Amino acid sequence: MNLILKEKGVNNLDKAIEAYKEQQNIIRRDKVRATAYQRLRVYEIPLKIIALVEMEYNLPEGSVLKPQRTKTYSEARAVAMYLCRVYTKFSYVELAQVFNRHHTSVIHNVQRVGLAIEDDLKETN
C-alpha cells in the first residue's frame, strides 16, 4: 500500500484504496486477455486441421463446425475429429468443445473413421 501511495503521490487513504483497486483491475484484465490468447493458441492446430479437411472436401469455411447433418458435412466432421484426436493431445472432452458436440459423439466418430481406415487397409492387402 505504501508503494502505491509513493507512486501516485496520494496522501488520502480513500484515494490510495481507489488507486489500489484500479491497479488490481488492470492486472485482472491483463490476465483475462492472456487467458483468451492462450485459448486461441491452444485451438490453433485443430482449427488448421478443420480448415484442411474443409478444403479437401470442397466445403465452405467453418461448415464442419456447423450443426448440419448431411452426409458430406458429417463425414468431413468425423474425419476432422479423427485427425485432431490422432495429431493432437486433446482429450475427447476438449475436442467436443472445439466441435461444439458431446464427447460421446467425438468418441463415436473417431472410432468409426478408425475402423473405416482399418477396413480399407485390409482390402488393399
Foldseek 3Di string as FASTA:
>chain_A
DVVQCVVVVDDDPVVSVVSVVVVVVVVVVVVVVVVVVVVCVLCVVLLVLLVVLCVVLVHDRPLLLDPDDDPSSPLSVLVSLLCCVVVDVDDLCRVCVVSVHHSVSSVVSNVVVVVVVVVVVVVVD
